[in-house]
N, C-alpha and C. Protein backbone atom coordinates (compact mmCIF):
# COMPACT_ATOMS: atom_id res chain seq x y z
N CYS A 1 -3.80 18.88 48.67
CA CYS A 1 -3.99 18.01 49.89
C CYS A 1 -2.94 18.35 50.83
N ASP A 2 -3.17 18.64 52.03
CA ASP A 2 -2.32 18.65 53.14
C ASP A 2 -1.68 17.54 53.55
N LEU A 3 -2.57 16.51 53.85
CA LEU A 3 -2.34 15.22 54.32
C LEU A 3 -3.00 14.19 54.03
N LEU A 4 -2.55 13.02 53.75
CA LEU A 4 -3.24 11.99 53.41
C LEU A 4 -2.44 10.47 53.98
N SER A 5 -3.45 9.89 54.59
CA SER A 5 -2.71 8.36 55.03
C SER A 5 -3.74 7.45 54.64
N ALA A 6 -3.17 6.37 54.13
CA ALA A 6 -3.95 5.17 53.75
C ALA A 6 -3.36 3.97 53.96
N THR A 7 -4.20 2.93 54.29
CA THR A 7 -3.99 1.65 54.61
C THR A 7 -3.66 0.93 53.23
N GLY A 8 -2.71 -0.02 53.28
CA GLY A 8 -2.49 -0.70 52.07
C GLY A 8 -3.36 -1.98 52.09
N ARG A 9 -3.89 -2.43 53.05
CA ARG A 9 -4.60 -3.87 53.06
C ARG A 9 -5.89 -3.78 52.48
N LYS A 10 -6.62 -2.74 52.49
CA LYS A 10 -8.07 -2.42 52.04
C LYS A 10 -8.27 -2.59 50.65
N PHE A 11 -8.47 -1.44 49.88
CA PHE A 11 -9.00 -1.29 48.36
C PHE A 11 -7.62 -1.73 47.76
N LEU A 12 -6.56 -1.41 48.09
CA LEU A 12 -5.33 -1.96 47.26
C LEU A 12 -4.91 -3.39 47.39
N ARG A 13 -5.56 -3.99 48.44
CA ARG A 13 -5.35 -5.49 48.60
C ARG A 13 -3.84 -5.68 48.86
N GLY A 14 -3.01 -4.60 49.44
CA GLY A 14 -1.53 -5.08 49.99
C GLY A 14 -1.72 -5.79 51.09
N PRO A 15 -0.49 -5.98 51.78
CA PRO A 15 -0.13 -6.75 53.09
C PRO A 15 -0.64 -5.77 54.07
N ARG A 16 -1.37 -6.45 55.40
CA ARG A 16 -1.53 -6.09 56.40
C ARG A 16 -0.17 -5.35 57.14
N GLY A 17 -0.41 -4.18 57.56
CA GLY A 17 0.74 -3.37 58.12
C GLY A 17 1.37 -2.57 57.15
N SER A 18 0.97 -2.23 55.92
CA SER A 18 1.57 -1.41 55.05
C SER A 18 0.48 -0.39 54.72
N GLY A 19 1.00 0.85 54.18
CA GLY A 19 0.34 1.89 53.64
C GLY A 19 1.03 3.01 53.37
N PHE A 20 0.46 4.31 53.15
CA PHE A 20 1.12 5.43 52.92
C PHE A 20 0.90 6.67 53.68
N LEU A 21 1.70 7.52 53.77
CA LEU A 21 1.48 8.63 54.43
C LEU A 21 2.15 9.73 53.42
N TYR A 22 1.24 10.80 53.20
CA TYR A 22 1.75 12.04 52.45
C TYR A 22 1.67 13.31 53.13
N ALA A 23 2.37 14.00 53.11
CA ALA A 23 2.41 15.33 53.69
C ALA A 23 2.84 16.44 52.93
N ARG A 24 2.01 17.42 52.50
CA ARG A 24 2.61 18.52 51.72
C ARG A 24 3.83 19.13 52.38
N GLN A 25 4.89 19.45 51.64
CA GLN A 25 6.03 20.02 52.10
C GLN A 25 5.90 20.96 53.23
N GLY A 26 4.96 22.03 52.95
CA GLY A 26 4.61 23.25 53.84
C GLY A 26 4.16 22.73 55.02
N LYS A 27 3.48 21.53 55.24
CA LYS A 27 3.05 21.06 56.40
C LYS A 27 3.98 19.94 57.13
N LEU A 28 4.65 19.46 56.61
CA LEU A 28 5.71 18.32 57.06
C LEU A 28 6.52 19.09 58.24
N GLU A 29 7.05 19.91 58.00
CA GLU A 29 7.83 20.68 59.22
C GLU A 29 7.05 20.71 60.44
N GLN A 30 5.71 21.08 60.36
CA GLN A 30 4.77 21.25 61.24
C GLN A 30 4.33 20.13 62.20
N LEU A 31 4.46 18.90 61.61
CA LEU A 31 4.35 17.68 62.26
C LEU A 31 5.15 16.91 63.01
N VAL A 32 5.09 16.37 64.28
CA VAL A 32 6.07 15.89 65.02
C VAL A 32 5.58 14.16 65.04
N PRO A 33 6.46 13.42 64.67
CA PRO A 33 6.31 11.93 64.72
C PRO A 33 6.15 11.43 66.31
N PRO A 34 5.06 10.52 66.26
CA PRO A 34 4.67 10.19 67.35
C PRO A 34 5.81 9.34 68.44
N PHE A 35 6.76 8.66 67.71
CA PHE A 35 7.86 8.19 68.38
C PHE A 35 9.20 8.41 67.09
N ILE A 36 10.42 8.18 67.74
CA ILE A 36 11.58 8.49 66.89
C ILE A 36 12.50 7.55 67.29
N ASP A 37 13.45 7.17 66.25
CA ASP A 37 14.57 6.44 66.41
C ASP A 37 15.81 6.92 65.79
N LEU A 38 16.77 6.09 65.56
CA LEU A 38 18.00 6.78 64.79
C LEU A 38 17.99 6.91 63.53
N HIS A 39 16.71 6.36 62.84
CA HIS A 39 16.41 6.68 61.39
C HIS A 39 15.73 8.07 61.28
N SER A 40 14.67 8.14 62.14
CA SER A 40 13.96 9.44 62.01
C SER A 40 14.44 10.78 62.52
N ALA A 41 15.51 10.60 63.44
CA ALA A 41 15.99 11.65 64.06
C ALA A 41 17.70 11.52 64.23
N LYS A 42 18.47 12.53 64.11
CA LYS A 42 19.65 12.49 64.58
C LYS A 42 20.06 12.85 65.95
N TRP A 43 20.72 11.85 66.63
CA TRP A 43 21.08 12.05 68.11
C TRP A 43 22.19 13.18 68.18
N ILE A 44 22.01 14.34 68.27
CA ILE A 44 23.24 15.20 68.29
C ILE A 44 23.77 15.80 69.52
N GLY A 45 23.23 15.38 70.71
CA GLY A 45 23.79 15.59 71.99
C GLY A 45 22.97 14.62 73.06
N ARG A 46 23.60 14.59 74.48
CA ARG A 46 23.16 13.59 75.24
C ARG A 46 21.46 13.78 75.28
N GLU A 47 20.76 14.90 75.41
CA GLU A 47 19.57 15.04 75.51
C GLU A 47 18.81 15.73 74.43
N VAL A 48 19.57 15.94 73.33
CA VAL A 48 19.20 16.63 72.14
C VAL A 48 19.15 15.74 70.96
N TYR A 49 18.14 15.84 70.22
CA TYR A 49 18.01 15.12 68.71
C TYR A 49 17.49 16.27 67.88
N GLU A 50 17.73 15.83 66.62
CA GLU A 50 17.16 16.71 65.55
C GLU A 50 16.35 15.71 64.53
N ILE A 51 15.03 16.04 64.51
CA ILE A 51 14.18 15.21 63.62
C ILE A 51 14.55 15.56 62.15
N ARG A 52 14.71 14.50 61.50
CA ARG A 52 14.83 14.59 59.74
C ARG A 52 13.71 15.52 59.23
N PRO A 53 14.17 16.37 58.28
CA PRO A 53 13.37 17.56 57.59
C PRO A 53 12.42 16.72 56.73
N ASP A 54 12.63 15.62 56.26
CA ASP A 54 12.06 14.96 55.08
C ASP A 54 10.80 13.97 55.52
N ALA A 55 10.33 13.31 54.93
CA ALA A 55 9.02 12.50 55.20
C ALA A 55 9.70 11.21 56.04
N ARG A 56 11.07 10.82 55.81
CA ARG A 56 11.37 9.85 56.53
C ARG A 56 11.44 10.05 58.14
N ARG A 57 10.96 11.12 58.68
CA ARG A 57 10.73 11.46 60.01
C ARG A 57 9.69 10.54 60.50
N PHE A 58 8.98 10.10 59.63
CA PHE A 58 7.83 9.01 60.12
C PHE A 58 8.05 7.63 60.10
N GLU A 59 9.16 7.28 59.70
CA GLU A 59 9.82 5.80 59.49
C GLU A 59 10.61 5.54 60.59
N ASN A 60 10.59 4.05 60.69
CA ASN A 60 11.51 3.43 61.68
C ASN A 60 12.82 2.89 61.08
N TRP A 61 13.79 2.80 61.69
CA TRP A 61 14.98 1.96 61.29
C TRP A 61 14.26 0.46 61.00
N GLU A 62 13.95 -0.20 61.91
CA GLU A 62 13.33 -1.40 61.41
C GLU A 62 11.96 -1.27 60.72
N ASN A 63 11.98 -2.11 59.65
CA ASN A 63 10.76 -2.13 58.89
C ASN A 63 10.58 -3.30 58.10
N ASN A 64 9.44 -3.49 57.52
CA ASN A 64 9.20 -4.76 56.94
C ASN A 64 9.25 -4.66 55.49
N TYR A 65 10.47 -4.99 54.93
CA TYR A 65 10.62 -4.92 53.34
C TYR A 65 9.66 -5.90 52.62
N ALA A 66 9.12 -7.04 53.30
CA ALA A 66 8.40 -7.79 52.48
C ALA A 66 7.19 -7.17 52.15
N ALA A 67 6.55 -6.25 53.39
CA ALA A 67 5.33 -5.55 53.16
C ALA A 67 5.51 -4.51 52.26
N LYS A 68 6.52 -3.81 52.24
CA LYS A 68 6.96 -2.64 51.19
C LYS A 68 6.71 -3.25 49.94
N ILE A 69 7.43 -4.47 49.54
CA ILE A 69 7.35 -4.89 48.42
C ILE A 69 5.92 -5.26 47.87
N GLY A 70 5.26 -5.92 48.67
CA GLY A 70 4.00 -6.55 48.70
C GLY A 70 3.04 -5.20 48.44
N LEU A 71 3.29 -3.97 49.01
CA LEU A 71 2.44 -2.88 48.47
C LEU A 71 2.63 -2.20 47.35
N GLY A 72 4.12 -2.35 46.92
CA GLY A 72 4.49 -1.94 45.67
C GLY A 72 3.54 -2.82 44.49
N VAL A 73 3.62 -4.14 44.57
CA VAL A 73 3.09 -4.93 43.67
C VAL A 73 1.48 -4.59 43.61
N ALA A 74 0.93 -4.36 44.82
CA ALA A 74 -0.56 -4.05 44.75
C ALA A 74 -0.59 -3.00 44.22
N VAL A 75 0.01 -1.65 44.39
CA VAL A 75 -0.14 -0.57 43.72
C VAL A 75 -0.08 -0.94 42.07
N ASP A 76 1.12 -1.51 41.73
CA ASP A 76 1.32 -1.91 40.29
C ASP A 76 0.13 -2.59 39.56
N TYR A 77 -0.51 -3.45 40.46
CA TYR A 77 -1.75 -4.21 40.03
C TYR A 77 -2.94 -3.38 39.70
N ALA A 78 -3.07 -2.58 40.76
CA ALA A 78 -4.41 -1.66 40.60
C ALA A 78 -4.12 -0.52 39.65
N LEU A 79 -2.82 -0.11 39.34
CA LEU A 79 -2.66 0.74 38.25
C LEU A 79 -2.62 0.15 36.86
N ALA A 80 -2.34 -1.29 36.88
CA ALA A 80 -2.50 -1.71 35.51
C ALA A 80 -3.98 -1.96 35.15
N LEU A 81 -4.89 -2.14 36.35
CA LEU A 81 -6.43 -2.34 36.06
C LEU A 81 -7.16 -1.01 35.50
N GLY A 82 -6.28 -0.25 36.35
CA GLY A 82 -6.92 1.34 36.26
C GLY A 82 -7.77 1.68 37.22
N MET A 83 -7.48 2.86 37.96
CA MET A 83 -8.07 3.24 39.12
C MET A 83 -9.69 3.67 38.79
N GLU A 84 -9.71 4.16 37.65
CA GLU A 84 -11.20 4.60 37.22
C GLU A 84 -12.17 3.41 37.20
N PRO A 85 -11.67 2.46 36.39
CA PRO A 85 -12.61 1.13 36.05
C PRO A 85 -12.55 0.53 37.56
N ILE A 86 -11.87 0.51 38.40
CA ILE A 86 -11.90 -0.12 39.84
C ILE A 86 -12.88 0.74 40.41
N TRP A 87 -12.97 1.98 40.56
CA TRP A 87 -13.76 2.73 41.26
C TRP A 87 -15.29 2.53 40.90
N GLU A 88 -15.31 2.62 39.36
CA GLU A 88 -16.77 2.54 38.76
C GLU A 88 -17.36 1.37 39.22
N ARG A 89 -16.75 0.12 38.92
CA ARG A 89 -17.08 -1.13 39.58
C ARG A 89 -17.41 -1.15 40.78
N LEU A 90 -16.58 -0.64 41.78
CA LEU A 90 -16.80 -0.93 43.22
C LEU A 90 -18.08 0.10 43.67
N SER A 91 -18.07 1.14 43.20
CA SER A 91 -19.33 2.01 43.58
C SER A 91 -20.44 1.57 43.06
N SER A 92 -20.53 0.97 41.82
CA SER A 92 -21.85 0.44 41.34
C SER A 92 -22.24 -0.68 42.02
N LEU A 93 -21.30 -1.70 42.51
CA LEU A 93 -21.71 -2.86 43.11
C LEU A 93 -22.26 -2.61 44.67
N ALA A 94 -21.42 -1.47 45.26
CA ALA A 94 -21.82 -1.05 46.65
C ALA A 94 -23.07 -0.24 46.61
N ALA A 95 -23.54 0.43 45.51
CA ALA A 95 -24.90 0.99 45.30
C ALA A 95 -25.95 0.05 45.25
N HIS A 96 -25.52 -0.84 44.47
CA HIS A 96 -26.44 -2.17 44.50
C HIS A 96 -26.88 -2.76 45.63
N LEU A 97 -25.81 -2.89 46.27
CA LEU A 97 -25.98 -3.77 47.62
C LEU A 97 -26.86 -2.79 48.65
N ARG A 98 -26.63 -1.44 48.75
CA ARG A 98 -27.48 -0.58 49.42
C ARG A 98 -28.83 -0.49 49.23
N GLU A 99 -28.96 -0.64 47.72
CA GLU A 99 -30.38 -0.51 47.37
C GLU A 99 -31.16 -1.96 47.68
N SER A 100 -30.50 -2.91 47.51
CA SER A 100 -30.95 -4.31 47.71
C SER A 100 -31.26 -4.45 49.25
N LEU A 101 -30.44 -3.95 50.19
CA LEU A 101 -30.41 -4.22 51.57
C LEU A 101 -31.71 -3.19 52.00
N SER A 102 -31.85 -2.11 51.47
CA SER A 102 -32.98 -1.20 51.78
C SER A 102 -34.31 -1.64 51.49
N ASN A 103 -34.26 -2.72 50.63
CA ASN A 103 -35.62 -3.37 50.15
C ASN A 103 -35.83 -4.45 51.01
N ILE A 104 -34.97 -4.83 51.90
CA ILE A 104 -35.48 -5.76 53.03
C ILE A 104 -35.94 -5.50 54.30
N PRO A 105 -37.28 -5.66 54.77
CA PRO A 105 -37.86 -5.14 55.80
C PRO A 105 -37.02 -5.32 57.08
N GLY A 106 -36.68 -4.49 58.07
CA GLY A 106 -36.12 -4.44 59.19
C GLY A 106 -34.60 -4.16 59.04
N VAL A 107 -34.08 -3.97 57.61
CA VAL A 107 -32.68 -3.62 57.47
C VAL A 107 -32.65 -2.29 57.43
N THR A 108 -31.47 -1.57 58.02
CA THR A 108 -31.58 -0.22 57.77
C THR A 108 -29.98 0.15 57.43
N VAL A 109 -29.62 0.70 56.45
CA VAL A 109 -28.35 1.06 56.14
C VAL A 109 -28.16 2.21 56.42
N HIS A 110 -26.73 2.35 57.15
CA HIS A 110 -26.27 3.67 57.91
C HIS A 110 -25.22 4.46 57.34
N ASP A 111 -24.77 4.13 55.89
CA ASP A 111 -23.79 4.91 55.31
C ASP A 111 -24.17 6.48 55.08
N LEU A 112 -23.14 7.32 55.42
CA LEU A 112 -23.32 8.65 55.09
C LEU A 112 -22.54 9.04 53.77
N GLY A 113 -22.76 10.26 53.44
CA GLY A 113 -21.83 10.99 52.35
C GLY A 113 -22.38 11.02 51.04
N ARG A 114 -22.19 12.01 50.22
CA ARG A 114 -22.65 12.23 48.82
C ARG A 114 -21.93 11.08 48.18
N VAL A 115 -20.65 10.88 48.37
CA VAL A 115 -19.95 9.78 47.68
C VAL A 115 -19.67 8.72 48.69
N LYS A 116 -20.14 7.49 48.25
CA LYS A 116 -19.87 6.48 49.43
C LYS A 116 -18.94 5.23 48.72
N GLY A 117 -18.21 4.78 49.60
CA GLY A 117 -17.40 3.70 49.25
C GLY A 117 -18.00 2.52 48.88
N GLY A 118 -16.88 1.37 49.19
CA GLY A 118 -17.39 0.10 48.83
C GLY A 118 -17.54 -0.78 50.32
N ILE A 119 -17.61 0.02 51.40
CA ILE A 119 -17.95 -0.46 52.61
C ILE A 119 -19.22 0.07 52.96
N VAL A 120 -20.28 -1.15 53.28
CA VAL A 120 -21.70 -0.84 53.40
C VAL A 120 -21.76 -1.44 54.83
N THR A 121 -22.40 -0.48 55.54
CA THR A 121 -22.87 -0.86 56.84
C THR A 121 -24.14 -0.79 57.32
N PHE A 122 -24.85 -1.81 57.92
CA PHE A 122 -26.35 -1.81 58.19
C PHE A 122 -26.64 -2.46 59.84
N ALA A 123 -27.98 -2.26 60.06
CA ALA A 123 -28.22 -2.92 61.12
C ALA A 123 -29.55 -3.70 60.77
N VAL A 124 -29.85 -4.73 61.46
CA VAL A 124 -30.97 -5.77 61.25
C VAL A 124 -31.91 -5.58 62.61
N GLU A 125 -32.89 -4.99 62.46
CA GLU A 125 -33.84 -4.74 63.52
C GLU A 125 -34.16 -6.12 64.43
N GLY A 126 -33.91 -6.01 65.61
CA GLY A 126 -34.11 -7.22 66.46
C GLY A 126 -33.12 -8.20 66.63
N HIS A 127 -31.89 -7.83 65.84
CA HIS A 127 -30.99 -8.92 65.69
C HIS A 127 -29.51 -8.27 66.01
N ALA A 128 -28.79 -9.05 66.85
CA ALA A 128 -27.35 -8.39 67.31
C ALA A 128 -26.51 -8.48 65.98
N ALA A 129 -25.76 -7.56 65.82
CA ALA A 129 -24.77 -7.40 64.47
C ALA A 129 -23.97 -8.75 64.62
N VAL A 130 -23.37 -9.11 65.72
CA VAL A 130 -22.33 -10.08 65.70
C VAL A 130 -23.00 -11.66 65.46
N ALA A 131 -24.41 -11.66 65.71
CA ALA A 131 -25.24 -12.82 65.40
C ALA A 131 -25.43 -12.86 63.92
N ILE A 132 -25.70 -11.82 63.30
CA ILE A 132 -25.98 -11.78 61.95
C ILE A 132 -24.73 -12.09 61.12
N LYS A 133 -23.47 -11.60 61.79
CA LYS A 133 -22.26 -11.84 61.05
C LYS A 133 -21.89 -13.54 61.21
N GLU A 134 -22.30 -14.01 62.25
CA GLU A 134 -21.95 -15.36 62.37
C GLU A 134 -23.13 -16.22 61.66
N GLN A 135 -24.26 -15.69 61.53
CA GLN A 135 -25.01 -16.52 60.71
C GLN A 135 -24.72 -16.61 59.19
N LEU A 136 -24.25 -15.35 58.75
CA LEU A 136 -23.78 -15.26 57.44
C LEU A 136 -22.60 -16.15 57.26
N GLN A 137 -21.56 -16.11 58.01
CA GLN A 137 -20.46 -16.73 58.18
C GLN A 137 -20.66 -18.26 57.82
N ALA A 138 -21.72 -18.75 58.37
CA ALA A 138 -22.14 -20.31 58.57
C ALA A 138 -22.56 -20.54 56.97
N GLN A 139 -22.95 -19.66 56.31
CA GLN A 139 -23.40 -19.49 54.77
C GLN A 139 -22.24 -19.23 53.83
N GLN A 140 -20.92 -19.30 54.37
CA GLN A 140 -19.86 -18.83 53.67
C GLN A 140 -19.82 -17.53 53.12
N ILE A 141 -20.28 -16.49 54.07
CA ILE A 141 -20.55 -15.08 53.38
C ILE A 141 -19.68 -14.21 54.52
N ASN A 142 -18.62 -13.58 53.99
CA ASN A 142 -18.05 -12.99 55.02
C ASN A 142 -18.13 -11.41 55.30
N THR A 143 -18.27 -11.09 56.60
CA THR A 143 -18.59 -9.75 56.91
C THR A 143 -18.09 -9.61 58.26
N SER A 144 -18.04 -8.28 58.87
CA SER A 144 -17.46 -7.99 60.07
C SER A 144 -18.33 -7.05 60.78
N THR A 145 -18.10 -6.68 61.92
CA THR A 145 -19.04 -5.80 62.70
C THR A 145 -18.19 -4.77 63.01
N THR A 146 -18.85 -3.53 63.24
CA THR A 146 -18.59 -2.19 63.70
C THR A 146 -19.02 -1.78 64.93
N THR A 147 -18.31 -1.49 65.78
CA THR A 147 -18.98 -1.31 67.34
C THR A 147 -18.38 -0.07 67.82
N VAL A 148 -19.21 0.32 68.91
CA VAL A 148 -18.55 1.71 69.61
C VAL A 148 -17.26 1.72 69.84
N PHE A 149 -16.44 0.88 70.18
CA PHE A 149 -15.13 0.61 70.52
C PHE A 149 -14.18 0.87 69.19
N SER A 150 -14.74 0.89 67.79
CA SER A 150 -13.74 1.17 66.85
C SER A 150 -14.26 2.68 66.42
N THR A 151 -15.55 3.03 66.63
CA THR A 151 -15.78 4.32 65.87
C THR A 151 -16.72 5.05 66.60
N ARG A 152 -16.14 5.24 67.91
CA ARG A 152 -16.90 5.93 69.05
C ARG A 152 -17.56 7.14 68.89
N LEU A 153 -16.92 8.25 68.28
CA LEU A 153 -17.52 9.35 67.85
C LEU A 153 -18.64 9.40 66.90
N ASP A 154 -18.53 8.77 65.85
CA ASP A 154 -19.79 8.70 65.04
C ASP A 154 -20.76 7.99 65.48
N MET A 155 -20.69 6.63 66.11
CA MET A 155 -21.78 6.01 66.67
C MET A 155 -22.28 6.59 67.97
N GLU A 156 -21.76 7.17 68.68
CA GLU A 156 -22.35 8.06 69.84
C GLU A 156 -23.11 9.12 69.48
N ALA A 157 -22.40 10.09 68.43
CA ALA A 157 -23.24 11.04 67.91
C ALA A 157 -24.55 10.73 67.20
N ARG A 158 -24.63 9.45 66.54
CA ARG A 158 -25.79 9.12 65.68
C ARG A 158 -26.37 8.15 66.52
N GLN A 159 -26.24 7.65 67.57
CA GLN A 159 -26.70 6.84 68.54
C GLN A 159 -27.14 5.62 67.79
N LEU A 160 -26.13 5.09 67.13
CA LEU A 160 -26.03 3.73 66.27
C LEU A 160 -25.84 2.68 67.24
N PRO A 161 -26.42 1.64 66.91
CA PRO A 161 -26.23 0.06 67.24
C PRO A 161 -24.79 -0.28 66.96
N ASP A 162 -24.54 -1.60 67.34
CA ASP A 162 -23.28 -2.30 66.29
C ASP A 162 -24.00 -2.27 64.99
N LEU A 163 -23.14 -2.56 64.16
CA LEU A 163 -23.52 -2.49 62.92
C LEU A 163 -22.59 -3.74 62.14
N VAL A 164 -23.32 -4.32 61.16
CA VAL A 164 -23.04 -5.34 60.16
C VAL A 164 -22.23 -4.72 59.17
N ARG A 165 -20.82 -5.05 58.68
CA ARG A 165 -20.33 -4.22 57.84
C ARG A 165 -19.76 -5.34 56.41
N ALA A 166 -20.30 -4.89 55.45
CA ALA A 166 -19.83 -5.67 54.05
C ALA A 166 -19.00 -4.98 53.26
N SER A 167 -17.84 -5.60 53.00
CA SER A 167 -16.78 -4.80 52.32
C SER A 167 -16.74 -5.55 50.97
N LEU A 168 -16.93 -4.66 49.92
CA LEU A 168 -17.01 -4.97 48.61
C LEU A 168 -15.67 -4.76 47.89
N HIS A 169 -15.58 -5.33 46.77
CA HIS A 169 -14.61 -4.89 45.78
C HIS A 169 -14.86 -5.17 44.39
N TYR A 170 -13.93 -4.74 43.55
CA TYR A 170 -14.27 -4.82 42.17
C TYR A 170 -14.50 -6.36 41.65
N PHE A 171 -13.87 -7.30 42.33
CA PHE A 171 -13.98 -8.93 42.03
C PHE A 171 -15.18 -9.09 42.37
N ASN A 172 -15.94 -8.79 43.37
CA ASN A 172 -17.47 -9.36 43.73
C ASN A 172 -18.23 -9.15 42.45
N THR A 173 -19.36 -9.79 42.55
CA THR A 173 -20.39 -10.06 41.30
C THR A 173 -21.82 -9.73 41.83
N GLU A 174 -22.79 -9.33 40.99
CA GLU A 174 -24.00 -9.00 41.36
C GLU A 174 -24.75 -10.37 41.89
N GLU A 175 -24.23 -11.39 41.29
CA GLU A 175 -24.87 -12.69 41.99
C GLU A 175 -24.61 -12.88 43.42
N GLU A 176 -23.24 -12.54 43.75
CA GLU A 176 -22.95 -12.65 44.98
C GLU A 176 -23.83 -11.71 45.89
N ILE A 177 -24.05 -10.70 45.61
CA ILE A 177 -24.94 -9.61 46.16
C ILE A 177 -26.44 -10.02 46.28
N GLY A 178 -26.89 -10.64 45.32
CA GLY A 178 -28.03 -11.28 45.32
C GLY A 178 -28.19 -12.35 46.31
N ARG A 179 -27.26 -13.35 46.30
CA ARG A 179 -27.25 -14.31 47.45
C ARG A 179 -26.99 -13.76 48.65
N PHE A 180 -26.16 -12.71 48.76
CA PHE A 180 -26.05 -11.90 50.31
C PHE A 180 -27.35 -11.65 50.55
N CYS A 181 -27.94 -11.02 49.84
CA CYS A 181 -29.41 -10.50 50.48
C CYS A 181 -30.55 -11.44 50.57
N GLU A 182 -30.33 -12.58 49.86
CA GLU A 182 -31.37 -13.77 49.80
C GLU A 182 -31.05 -14.49 51.20
N VAL A 183 -29.74 -14.70 51.71
CA VAL A 183 -29.68 -15.33 52.79
C VAL A 183 -29.83 -14.35 54.06
N LEU A 184 -29.39 -12.95 54.01
CA LEU A 184 -29.88 -12.39 55.00
C LEU A 184 -31.33 -12.43 55.16
N ASN A 185 -32.04 -12.16 54.19
CA ASN A 185 -33.58 -12.11 54.37
C ASN A 185 -34.08 -13.12 54.99
N GLY A 186 -33.39 -14.46 54.75
CA GLY A 186 -33.83 -15.69 55.11
C GLY A 186 -33.57 -15.82 56.58
N LEU A 187 -32.80 -14.86 57.24
CA LEU A 187 -32.42 -14.82 58.69
C LEU A 187 -33.47 -14.35 59.55
N MET A 188 -34.12 -13.56 58.76
CA MET A 188 -35.34 -12.56 59.72
C MET A 188 -36.37 -13.26 60.01
């Protein structure tokens, strides 16, 4: 792996604004931070600075220690549960939701890839994604929407409409998926 970045708030369930950045040592020196301060670079002359040689070149002097601690706790929790059991449960639930959605007339699942994660995106023929989201919310079912403003390249290339986005995790249940699909089917 040359580069890896990950948010802490999604599948690790850590604090918003936290995350990881990994760069293989051979690649690190080739990367220029988008901005620097006195933590990420040394000011060695009036108009001259030297970027740190290590990963801290991407850090700022001011940072959120509470988020760092929260991210550490989230990582410890995930490791205690086990990454493999988390993945097996999550991928099984997501596959179940995709299959269930594909059996509802007028619903099209738009997820790609040989290996699919826990985020399931779909469209409902004749219904705006935001309207579906609001109707599900009224039934205490949380979803979000994906629009061209957040995923322009993919949505334009595949000519996708706005999509409803269901984000599962290992703590969800098959019963919740059944209720989700039952409520969605009732909206048609």
